[in-house]
Amino acid sequence: MRIITEKRLKQACEKYPDAEASIRAWKKLVKEQDWNSFNIIKTTSLFALDGVKNFVIFDIGGNKYRLITCINYRTKAIYIREFLTHTEYDKDKWKNDEWFDS
């Protein structure tokens, strides 16, 4: 899989240094995958995840952070939409993303 907008992951590492190791582990895992569906991700991901509409949300840093992604299985691209603390995620503002399929 290809990660699109890795810049957001770099910014997350700078803002939340305690998440850096988990972000690096997530990136390594993702780049080794050839996911075709959400169900395949569930069987191969070491990270807890949830599917919300067309987004896949990964728990990062021992459930402290949420990595919100949109995955195009056809082109094998993962778009990083948000990296949030658990508290920020619970406010649901990320659902205002223009890519969020309501």
PDB file of N, CA and C in Angstrom:
ATOM      1  N   MET A   1       0.844  -1.175   0.000  1.00  0.00           N
ATOM      2  CA  MET A   1       0.000   0.000   0.000  1.00  0.00           C
ATOM      3  C   MET A   1       0.893   1.244   0.000  1.00  0.00           C
ATOM      4  N   ARG A   2       0.374   2.286  -0.623  1.00  0.00           N
ATOM      5  CA  ARG A   2       1.082   3.565  -0.641  1.00  0.00           C
ATOM      6  C   ARG A   2       0.388   4.534   0.310  1.00  0.00           C
ATOM      7  N   ILE A   3       1.182   5.217   1.095  1.00  0.00           N
ATOM      8  CA  ILE A   3       0.634   6.216   2.015  1.00  0.00           C
ATOM      9  C   ILE A   3       0.709   7.578   1.340  1.00  0.00           C
ATOM     10  N   ILE A   4      -0.433   8.211   1.227  1.00  0.00           N
ATOM     11  CA  ILE A   4      -0.509   9.544   0.623  1.00  0.00           C
ATOM     12  C   ILE A   4      -0.596  10.558   1.773  1.00  0.00           C
ATOM     13  N   THR A   5       0.129  11.612   1.642  1.00  0.00           N
ATOM     14  CA  THR A   5       0.191  12.683   2.645  1.00  0.00           C
ATOM     15  C   THR A   5       0.897  12.235   3.929  1.00  0.00           C
ATOM     16  N   GLU A   6       2.087  11.644   3.779  1.00  0.00           N
ATOM     17  CA  GLU A   6       2.875  11.263   4.956  1.00  0.00           C
ATOM     18  C   GLU A   6       3.257  12.485   5.791  1.00  0.00           C
ATOM     19  N   LYS A   7       3.142  13.662   5.198  1.00  0.00           N
ATOM     20  CA  LYS A   7       3.445  14.898   5.924  1.00  0.00           C
ATOM     21  C   LYS A   7       2.622  14.995   7.203  1.00  0.00           C
ATOM     22  N   ARG A   8       1.373  14.576   7.145  1.00  0.00           N
ATOM     23  CA  ARG A   8       0.513  14.630   8.338  1.00  0.00           C
ATOM     24  C   ARG A   8       1.020  13.688   9.426  1.00  0.00           C
ATOM     25  N   LEU A   9       1.616  12.577   9.023  1.00  0.00           N
ATOM     26  CA  LEU A   9       2.180  11.658  10.015  1.00  0.00           C
ATOM     27  C   LEU A   9       3.419  12.272  10.660  1.00  0.00           C
ATOM     28  N   LYS A  10       4.224  12.939   9.859  1.00  0.00           N
ATOM     29  CA  LYS A  10       5.413  13.617  10.393  1.00  0.00           C
ATOM     30  C   LYS A  10       4.994  14.698  11.388  1.00  0.00           C
ATOM     31  N   GLN A  11       3.978  15.460  11.032  1.00  0.00           N
ATOM     32  CA  GLN A  11       3.474  16.503  11.934  1.00  0.00           C
ATOM     33  C   GLN A  11       2.940  15.888  13.225  1.00  0.00           C
ATOM     34  N   ALA A  12       2.291  14.746  13.128  1.00  0.00           N
ATOM     35  CA  ALA A  12       1.769  14.068  14.318  1.00  0.00           C
ATOM     36  C   ALA A  12       2.916  13.631  15.225  1.00  0.00           C
ATOM     37  N   CYS A  13       4.004  13.139  14.641  1.00  0.00           N
ATOM     38  CA  CYS A  13       5.171  12.731  15.436  1.00  0.00           C
ATOM     39  C   CYS A  13       5.778  13.921  16.168  1.00  0.00           C
ATOM     40  N   GLU A  14       5.798  15.061  15.502  1.00  0.00           N
ATOM     41  CA  GLU A  14       6.342  16.267  16.126  1.00  0.00           C
ATOM     42  C   GLU A  14       5.434  16.758  17.254  1.00  0.00           C
ATOM     43  N   LYS A  15       4.139  16.699  17.030  1.00  0.00           N
ATOM     44  CA  LYS A  15       3.183  17.202  18.014  1.00  0.00           C
ATOM     45  C   LYS A  15       3.003  16.229  19.186  1.00  0.00           C
ATOM     46  N   TYR A  16       3.069  14.938  18.895  1.00  0.00           N
ATOM     47  CA  TYR A  16       2.867  13.890  19.910  1.00  0.00           C
ATOM     48  C   TYR A  16       4.050  12.918  19.877  1.00  0.00           C
ATOM     49  N   PRO A  17       5.180  13.300  20.456  1.00  0.00           N
ATOM     50  CA  PRO A  17       6.376  12.444  20.387  1.00  0.00           C
ATOM     51  C   PRO A  17       6.149  11.035  20.938  1.00  0.00           C
ATOM     52  N   ASP A  18       5.237  10.883  21.879  1.00  0.00           N
ATOM     53  CA  ASP A  18       4.981   9.556  22.448  1.00  0.00           C
ATOM     54  C   ASP A  18       4.286   8.624  21.445  1.00  0.00           C
ATOM     55  N   ALA A  19       3.781   9.171  20.368  1.00  0.00           N
ATOM     56  CA  ALA A  19       3.117   8.357  19.345  1.00  0.00           C
ATOM     57  C   ALA A  19       4.063   7.952  18.214  1.00  0.00           C
ATOM     58  N   GLU A  20       5.258   8.490  18.210  1.00  0.00           N
ATOM     59  CA  GLU A  20       6.166   8.284  17.075  1.00  0.00           C
ATOM     60  C   GLU A  20       6.467   6.805  16.803  1.00  0.00           C
ATOM     61  N   ALA A  21       6.772   6.034  17.827  1.00  0.00           N
ATOM     62  CA  ALA A  21       7.095   4.618  17.615  1.00  0.00           C
ATOM     63  C   ALA A  21       5.909   3.866  17.019  1.00  0.00           C
ATOM     64  N   SER A  22       4.719   4.152  17.493  1.00  0.00           N
ATOM     65  CA  SER A  22       3.517   3.491  16.959  1.00  0.00           C
ATOM     66  C   SER A  22       3.244   3.918  15.520  1.00  0.00           C
ATOM     67  N   ILE A  23       3.469   5.178  15.215  1.00  0.00           N
ATOM     68  CA  ILE A  23       3.277   5.662  13.845  1.00  0.00           C
ATOM     69  C   ILE A  23       4.269   4.978  12.907  1.00  0.00           C
ATOM     70  N   ARG A  24       5.531   4.875  13.339  1.00  0.00           N
ATOM     71  CA  ARG A  24       6.542   4.181  12.517  1.00  0.00           C
ATOM     72  C   ARG A  24       6.140   2.725  12.292  1.00  0.00           C
ATOM     73  N   ALA A  25       5.659   2.054  13.330  1.00  0.00           N
ATOM     74  CA  ALA A  25       5.235   0.653  13.211  1.00  0.00           C
ATOM     75  C   ALA A  25       4.047   0.536  12.261  1.00  0.00           C
ATOM     76  N   TRP A  26       3.099   1.469  12.351  1.00  0.00           N
ATOM     77  CA  TRP A  26       1.939   1.462  11.464  1.00  0.00           C
ATOM     78  C   TRP A  26       2.379   1.636  10.014  1.00  0.00           C
ATOM     79  N   LYS A  27       3.270   2.610   9.767  1.00  0.00           N
ATOM     80  CA  LYS A  27       3.763   2.848   8.407  1.00  0.00           C
ATOM     81  C   LYS A  27       4.442   1.606   7.842  1.00  0.00           C
ATOM     82  N   LYS A  28       5.269   0.964   8.639  1.00  0.00           N
ATOM     83  CA  LYS A  28       5.974  -0.244   8.183  1.00  0.00           C
ATOM     84  C   LYS A  28       4.973  -1.333   7.820  1.00  0.00           C
ATOM     85  N   LEU A  29       4.001  -1.557   8.679  1.00  0.00           N
ATOM     86  CA  LEU A  29       2.982  -2.569   8.418  1.00  0.00           C
ATOM     87  C   LEU A  29       2.234  -2.277   7.118  1.00  0.00           C
ATOM     88  N   VAL A  30       1.773  -1.048   6.980  1.00  0.00           N
ATOM     89  CA  VAL A  30       0.943  -0.663   5.838  1.00  0.00           C
ATOM     90  C   VAL A  30       1.698  -0.829   4.517  1.00  0.00           C
ATOM     91  N   LYS A  31       2.950  -0.431   4.493  1.00  0.00           N
ATOM     92  CA  LYS A  31       3.721  -0.498   3.250  1.00  0.00           C
ATOM     93  C   LYS A  31       3.979  -1.933   2.803  1.00  0.00           C
ATOM     94  N   GLU A  32       3.825  -2.885   3.701  1.00  0.00           N
ATOM     95  CA  GLU A  32       4.026  -4.300   3.370  1.00  0.00           C
ATOM     96  C   GLU A  32       2.734  -4.989   2.939  1.00  0.00           C
ATOM     97  N   GLN A  33       1.615  -4.281   2.962  1.00  0.00           N
ATOM     98  CA  GLN A  33       0.307  -4.887   2.712  1.00  0.00           C
ATOM     99  C   GLN A  33      -0.170  -4.669   1.274  1.00  0.00           C
ATOM    100  N   ASP A  34      -1.163  -5.478   0.907  1.00  0.00           N
ATOM    101  CA  ASP A  34      -1.837  -5.370  -0.379  1.00  0.00           C
ATOM    102  C   ASP A  34      -3.338  -5.544  -0.123  1.00  0.00           C
ATOM    103  N   TRP A  35      -3.880  -4.661   0.714  1.00  0.00           N
ATOM    104  CA  TRP A  35      -5.255  -4.785   1.158  1.00  0.00           C
ATOM    105  C   TRP A  35      -6.251  -4.581   0.014  1.00  0.00           C
ATOM    106  N   ASN A  36      -7.299  -5.402   0.035  1.00  0.00           N
ATOM    107  CA  ASN A  36      -8.373  -5.303  -0.960  1.00  0.00           C
ATOM    108  C   ASN A  36      -9.718  -4.950  -0.348  1.00  0.00           C
ATOM    109  N   SER A  37      -9.801  -5.003   0.991  1.00  0.00           N
ATOM    110  CA  SER A  37     -11.075  -4.721   1.643  1.00  0.00           C
ATOM    111  C   SER A  37     -10.836  -4.468   3.129  1.00  0.00           C
ATOM    112  N   PHE A  38     -11.859  -3.915   3.774  1.00  0.00           N
ATOM    113  CA  PHE A  38     -11.793  -3.672   5.216  1.00  0.00           C
ATOM    114  C   PHE A  38     -11.631  -4.992   5.970  1.00  0.00           C
ATOM    115  N   ASN A  39     -12.310  -6.038   5.511  1.00  0.00           N
ATOM    116  CA  ASN A  39     -12.214  -7.336   6.180  1.00  0.00           C
ATOM    117  C   ASN A  39     -10.799  -7.898   6.143  1.00  0.00           C
ATOM    118  N   ILE A  40     -10.096  -7.672   5.063  1.00  0.00           N
ATOM    119  CA  ILE A  40      -8.698  -8.117   4.965  1.00  0.00           C
ATOM    120  C   ILE A  40      -7.839  -7.333   5.955  1.00  0.00           C
ATOM    121  N   ILE A  41      -8.091  -6.041   6.087  1.00  0.00           N
ATOM    122  CA  ILE A  41      -7.330  -5.230   7.042  1.00  0.00           C
ATOM    123  C   ILE A  41      -7.528  -5.794   8.446  1.00  0.00           C
ATOM    124  N   LYS A  42      -8.758  -6.127   8.792  1.00  0.00           N
ATOM    125  CA  LYS A  42      -9.045  -6.646  10.134  1.00  0.00           C
ATOM    126  C   LYS A  42      -8.245  -7.915  10.432  1.00  0.00           C
ATOM    127  N   THR A  43      -7.987  -8.717   9.427  1.00  0.00           N
ATOM    128  CA  THR A  43      -7.269  -9.971   9.669  1.00  0.00           C
ATOM    129  C   THR A  43      -5.758  -9.798   9.671  1.00  0.00           C
ATOM    130  N   THR A  44      -5.247  -8.702   9.133  1.00  0.00           N
ATOM    131  CA  THR A  44      -3.794  -8.539   9.021  1.00  0.00           C
ATOM    132  C   THR A  44      -3.225  -7.390   9.850  1.00  0.00           C
ATOM    133  N   SER A  45      -4.058  -6.518  10.363  1.00  0.00           N
ATOM    134  CA  SER A  45      -3.564  -5.354  11.093  1.00  0.00           C
ATOM    135  C   SER A  45      -3.248  -5.704  12.539  1.00  0.00           C
ATOM    136  N   LEU A  46      -2.132  -5.207  13.019  1.00  0.00           N
ATOM    137  CA  LEU A  46      -1.761  -5.364  14.416  1.00  0.00           C
ATOM    138  C   LEU A  46      -2.425  -4.290  15.273  1.00  0.00           C
ATOM    139  N   PHE A  47      -3.045  -3.318  14.625  1.00  0.00           N
ATOM    140  CA  PHE A  47      -3.666  -2.191  15.304  1.00  0.00           C
ATOM    141  C   PHE A  47      -5.180  -2.391  15.335  1.00  0.00           C
ATOM    142  N   ALA A  48      -5.786  -2.038  16.458  1.00  0.00           N
ATOM    143  CA  ALA A  48      -7.245  -2.067  16.525  1.00  0.00           C
ATOM    144  C   ALA A  48      -7.778  -1.051  15.525  1.00  0.00           C
ATOM    145  N   LEU A  49      -8.906  -1.366  14.911  1.00  0.00           N
ATOM    146  CA  LEU A  49      -9.439  -0.439  13.915  1.00  0.00           C
ATOM    147  C   LEU A  49     -10.948  -0.487  13.902  1.00  0.00           C
ATOM    148  N   ASP A  50     -11.492   0.522  13.244  1.00  0.00           N
ATOM    149  CA  ASP A  50     -12.935   0.628  13.108  1.00  0.00           C
ATOM    150  C   ASP A  50     -13.233   1.180  11.728  1.00  0.00           C
ATOM    151  N   GLY A  51     -14.319   0.741  11.146  1.00  0.00           N
ATOM    152  CA  GLY A  51     -14.772   1.292   9.874  1.00  0.00           C
ATOM    153  C   GLY A  51     -15.958   2.191  10.126  1.00  0.00           C
ATOM    154  N   VAL A  52     -15.850   3.445   9.718  1.00  0.00           N
ATOM    155  CA  VAL A  52     -16.939   4.404   9.864  1.00  0.00           C
ATOM    156  C   VAL A  52     -17.199   4.999   8.487  1.00  0.00           C
ATOM    157  N   LYS A  53     -18.330   4.606   7.909  1.00  0.00           N
ATOM    158  CA  LYS A  53     -18.670   4.990   6.529  1.00  0.00           C
ATOM    159  C   LYS A  53     -17.526   4.545   5.627  1.00  0.00           C
ATOM    160  N   ASN A  54     -16.920   5.477   4.883  1.00  0.00           N
ATOM    161  CA  ASN A  54     -15.836   5.127   3.974  1.00  0.00           C
ATOM    162  C   ASN A  54     -14.447   5.332   4.600  1.00  0.00           C
ATOM    163  N   PHE A  55     -14.372   5.618   5.890  1.00  0.00           N
ATOM    164  CA  PHE A  55     -13.092   5.820   6.568  1.00  0.00           C
ATOM    165  C   PHE A  55     -12.702   4.587   7.377  1.00  0.00           C
ATOM    166  N   VAL A  56     -11.406   4.375   7.478  1.00  0.00           N
ATOM    167  CA  VAL A  56     -10.858   3.344   8.355  1.00  0.00           C
ATOM    168  C   VAL A  56     -10.073   4.082   9.430  1.00  0.00           C
ATOM    169  N   ILE A  57     -10.416   3.826  10.679  1.00  0.00           N
ATOM    170  CA  ILE A  57      -9.790   4.509  11.810  1.00  0.00           C
ATOM    171  C   ILE A  57      -8.948   3.492  12.581  1.00  0.00           C
ATOM    172  N   PHE A  58      -7.663   3.816  12.728  1.00  0.00           N
ATOM    173  CA  PHE A  58      -6.730   2.957  13.444  1.00  0.00           C
ATOM    174  C   PHE A  58      -6.464   3.539  14.825  1.00  0.00           C
ATOM    175  N   ASP A  59      -6.456   2.676  15.842  1.00  0.00           N
ATOM    176  CA  ASP A  59      -6.051   3.084  17.192  1.00  0.00           C
ATOM    177  C   ASP A  59      -4.532   3.052  17.234  1.00  0.00           C
ATOM    178  N   ILE A  60      -3.945   4.165  17.625  1.00  0.00           N
ATOM    179  CA  ILE A  60      -2.489   4.309  17.663  1.00  0.00           C
ATOM    180  C   ILE A  60      -2.065   4.642  19.085  1.00  0.00           C
ATOM    181  N   GLY A  61      -0.931   4.132  19.482  1.00  0.00           N
ATOM    182  CA  GLY A  61      -0.383   4.489  20.794  1.00  0.00           C
ATOM    183  C   GLY A  61      -1.190   3.940  21.948  1.00  0.00           C
ATOM    184  N   GLY A  62      -1.597   2.682  21.845  1.00  0.00           N
ATOM    185  CA  GLY A  62      -2.338   2.079  22.951  1.00  0.00           C
ATOM    186  C   GLY A  62      -3.673   2.729  23.218  1.00  0.00           C
ATOM    187  N   ASN A  63      -4.402   3.033  22.145  1.00  0.00           N
ATOM    188  CA  ASN A  63      -5.744   3.603  22.241  1.00  0.00           C
ATOM    189  C   ASN A  63      -5.743   5.076  22.658  1.00  0.00           C
ATOM    190  N   LYS A  64      -4.598   5.726  22.593  1.00  0.00           N
ATOM    191  CA  LYS A  64      -4.504   7.137  22.973  1.00  0.00           C
ATOM    192  C   LYS A  64      -4.813   8.071  21.797  1.00  0.00           C
ATOM    193  N   TYR A  65      -4.548   7.592  20.583  1.00  0.00           N
ATOM    194  CA  TYR A  65      -4.716   8.409  19.378  1.00  0.00           C
ATOM    195  C   TYR A  65      -5.550   7.665  18.339  1.00  0.00           C
ATOM    196  N   ARG A  66      -6.095   8.433  17.385  1.00  0.00           N
ATOM    197  CA  ARG A  66      -6.850   7.879  16.271  1.00  0.00           C
ATOM    198  C   ARG A  66      -6.245   8.405  14.963  1.00  0.00           C
ATOM    199  N   LEU A  67      -5.952   7.478  14.085  1.00  0.00           N
ATOM    200  CA  LEU A  67      -5.469   7.809  12.750  1.00  0.00           C
ATOM    201  C   LEU A  67      -6.615   7.541  11.787  1.00  0.00           C
ATOM    202  N   ILE A  68      -7.116   8.608  11.198  1.00  0.00           N
ATOM    203  CA  ILE A  68      -8.286   8.513  10.322  1.00  0.00           C
ATOM    204  C   ILE A  68      -7.797   8.490   8.878  1.00  0.00           C
ATOM    205  N   THR A  69      -8.178   7.434   8.169  1.00  0.00           N
ATOM    206  CA  THR A  69      -7.717   7.248   6.802  1.00  0.00           C
ATOM    207  C   THR A  69      -8.890   6.990   5.870  1.00  0.00           C
ATOM    208  N   CYS A  70      -8.629   7.226   4.607  1.00  0.00           N
ATOM    209  CA  CYS A  70      -9.550   6.857   3.543  1.00  0.00           C
ATOM    210  C   CYS A  70      -8.727   5.998   2.583  1.00  0.00           C
ATOM    211  N   ILE A  71      -9.190   4.793   2.313  1.00  0.00           N
ATOM    212  CA  ILE A  71      -8.392   3.847   1.532  1.00  0.00           C
ATOM    213  C   ILE A  71      -9.042   3.586   0.181  1.00  0.00           C
ATOM    214  N   ASN A  72      -8.239   3.734  -0.864  1.00  0.00           N
ATOM    215  CA  ASN A  72      -8.673   3.365  -2.210  1.00  0.00           C
ATOM    216  C   ASN A  72      -8.039   2.007  -2.500  1.00  0.00           C
ATOM    217  N   TYR A  73      -8.838   0.966  -2.393  1.00  0.00           N
ATOM    218  CA  TYR A  73      -8.315  -0.396  -2.549  1.00  0.00           C
ATOM    219  C   TYR A  73      -7.882  -0.672  -3.986  1.00  0.00           C
ATOM    220  N   ARG A  74      -8.518  -0.051  -4.941  1.00  0.00           N
ATOM    221  CA  ARG A  74      -8.187  -0.268  -6.356  1.00  0.00           C
ATOM    222  C   ARG A  74      -6.789   0.243  -6.683  1.00  0.00           C
ATOM    223  N   THR A  75      -6.463   1.452  -6.185  1.00  0.00           N
ATOM    224  CA  THR A  75      -5.154   2.039  -6.487  1.00  0.00           C
ATOM    225  C   THR A  75      -4.116   1.755  -5.400  1.00  0.00           C
ATOM    226  N   LYS A  76      -4.553   1.075  -4.331  1.00  0.00           N
ATOM    227  CA  LYS A  76      -3.657   0.712  -3.217  1.00  0.00           C
ATOM    228  C   LYS A  76      -3.094   1.953  -2.527  1.00  0.00           C
ATOM    229  N   ALA A  77      -3.938   2.964  -2.349  1.00  0.00           N
ATOM    230  CA  ALA A  77      -3.518   4.221  -1.734  1.00  0.00           C
ATOM    231  C   ALA A  77      -4.278   4.463  -0.429  1.00  0.00           C
ATOM    232  N   ILE A  78      -3.537   4.863   0.584  1.00  0.00           N
ATOM    233  CA  ILE A  78      -4.126   5.219   1.870  1.00  0.00           C
ATOM    234  C   ILE A  78      -3.932   6.718   2.056  1.00  0.00           C
ATOM    235  N   TYR A  79      -5.024   7.422   2.187  1.00  0.00           N
ATOM    236  CA  TYR A  79      -4.979   8.869   2.373  1.00  0.00           C
ATOM    237  C   TYR A  79      -5.126   9.172   3.861  1.00  0.00           C
ATOM    238  N   ILE A  80      -4.169   9.884   4.398  1.00  0.00           N
ATOM    239  CA  ILE A  80      -4.210  10.278   5.804  1.00  0.00           C
ATOM    240  C   ILE A  80      -5.082  11.522   5.897  1.00  0.00           C
ATOM    241  N   ARG A  81      -6.196  11.414   6.617  1.00  0.00           N
ATOM    242  CA  ARG A  81      -7.123  12.536   6.741  1.00  0.00           C
ATOM    243  C   ARG A  81      -6.912  13.299   8.042  1.00  0.00           C
ATOM    244  N   GLU A  82      -6.711  12.596   9.156  1.00  0.00           N
ATOM    245  CA  GLU A  82      -6.536  13.249  10.457  1.00  0.00           C
ATOM    246  C   GLU A  82      -5.731  12.348  11.375  1.00  0.00           C
ATOM    247  N   PHE A  83      -5.021  12.967  12.294  1.00  0.00           N
ATOM    248  CA  PHE A  83      -4.406  12.265  13.420  1.00  0.00           C
ATOM    249  C   PHE A  83      -4.850  13.015  14.663  1.00  0.00           C
ATOM    250  N   LEU A  84      -5.640  12.355  15.499  1.00  0.00           N
ATOM    251  CA  LEU A  84      -6.280  13.036  16.623  1.00  0.00           C
ATOM    252  C   LEU A  84      -6.043  12.291  17.931  1.00  0.00           C
ATOM    253  N   THR A  85      -6.118  13.032  19.025  1.00  0.00           N
ATOM    254  CA  THR A  85      -6.154  12.366  20.316  1.00  0.00           C
ATOM    255  C   THR A  85      -7.506  11.682  20.440  1.00  0.00           C
ATOM    256  N   HIS A  86      -7.604  10.767  21.359  1.00  0.00           N
ATOM    257  CA  HIS A  86      -8.879  10.072  21.576  1.00  0.00           C
ATOM    258  C   HIS A  86      -9.975  11.085  21.928  1.00  0.00           C
ATOM    259  N   THR A  87      -9.637  12.079  22.741  1.00  0.00           N
ATOM    260  CA  THR A  87     -10.597  13.111  23.138  1.00  0.00           C
ATOM    261  C   THR A  87     -11.067  13.926  21.939  1.00  0.00           C
ATOM    262  N   GLU A  88     -10.135  14.333  21.057  1.00  0.00           N
ATOM    263  CA  GLU A  88     -10.508  15.089  19.863  1.00  0.00           C
ATOM    264  C   GLU A  88     -11.409  14.246  18.954  1.00  0.00           C
ATOM    265  N   TYR A  89     -11.066  12.987  18.819  1.00  0.00           N
ATOM    266  CA  TYR A  89     -11.842  12.071  17.986  1.00  0.00           C
ATOM    267  C   TYR A  89     -13.286  11.969  18.482  1.00  0.00           C
ATOM    268  N   ASP A  90     -13.445  11.870  19.799  1.00  0.00           N
ATOM    269  CA  ASP A  90     -14.781  11.715  20.375  1.00  0.00           C
ATOM    270  C   ASP A  90     -15.687  12.924  20.145  1.00  0.00           C
ATOM    271  N   LYS A  91     -15.127  14.065  19.804  1.00  0.00           N
ATOM    272  CA  LYS A  91     -15.931  15.255  19.528  1.00  0.00           C
ATOM    273  C   LYS A  91     -16.608  15.183  18.156  1.00  0.00           C
ATOM    274  N   ASP A  92     -16.194  14.228  17.325  1.00  0.00           N
ATOM    275  CA  ASP A  92     -16.796  13.968  16.009  1.00  0.00           C
ATOM    276  C   ASP A  92     -16.621  15.077  14.980  1.00  0.00           C
ATOM    277  N   LYS A  93     -15.767  16.052  15.210  1.00  0.00           N
ATOM    278  CA  LYS A  93     -15.557  17.111  14.212  1.00  0.00           C
ATOM    279  C   LYS A  93     -14.924  16.564  12.938  1.00  0.00           C
ATOM    280  N   TRP A  94     -14.200  15.445  13.054  1.00  0.00           N
ATOM    281  CA  TRP A  94     -13.559  14.838  11.885  1.00  0.00           C
ATOM    282  C   TRP A  94     -14.601  14.373  10.868  1.00  0.00           C
ATOM    283  N   LYS A  95     -15.833  14.195  11.306  1.00  0.00           N
ATOM    284  CA  LYS A  95     -16.885  13.777  10.385  1.00  0.00           C
ATOM    285  C   LYS A  95     -17.306  14.902   9.443  1.00  0.00           C
ATOM    286  N   ASN A  96     -16.814  16.113   9.676  1.00  0.00           N
ATOM    287  CA  ASN A  96     -17.085  17.229   8.779  1.00  0.00           C
ATOM    288  C   ASN A  96     -16.149  17.218   7.570  1.00  0.00           C
ATOM    289  N   ASP A  97     -15.226  16.268   7.517  1.00  0.00           N
ATOM    290  CA  ASP A  97     -14.296  16.131   6.397  1.00  0.00           C
ATOM    291  C   ASP A  97     -15.085  15.987   5.097  1.00  0.00           C
ATOM    292  N   GLU A  98     -14.655  16.700   4.076  1.00  0.00           N
ATOM    293  CA  GLU A  98     -15.365  16.662   2.808  1.00  0.00           C
ATOM    294  C   GLU A  98     -15.376  15.264   2.174  1.00  0.00           C
ATOM    295  N   TRP A  99     -14.451  14.404   2.585  1.00  0.00           N
ATOM    296  CA  TRP A  99     -14.389  13.048   2.044  1.00  0.00           C
ATOM    297  C   TRP A  99     -15.279  12.080   2.810  1.00  0.00           C
ATOM    298  N   PHE A 100     -15.804  12.507   3.941  1.00  0.00           N
ATOM    299  CA  PHE A 100     -16.622  11.615   4.757  1.00  0.00           C
ATOM    300  C   PHE A 100     -17.939  11.359   4.073  1.00  0.00           C
ATOM    301  N   ASP A 101     -18.194  10.104   3.741  1.00  0.00           N
ATOM    302  CA  ASP A 101     -19.402   9.718   3.013  1.00  0.00           C
ATOM    303  C   ASP A 101     -20.548   9.514   3.999  1.00  0.00           C
ATOM    304  N   SER A 102     -21.422  10.469   4.047  1.00  0.00           N
ATOM    305  CA  SER A 102     -22.524  10.379   5.025  1.00  0.00           C
ATOM    306  C   SER A 102     -23.703   9.606   4.518  1.00  0.00           C
TER     307      SER A 102
END
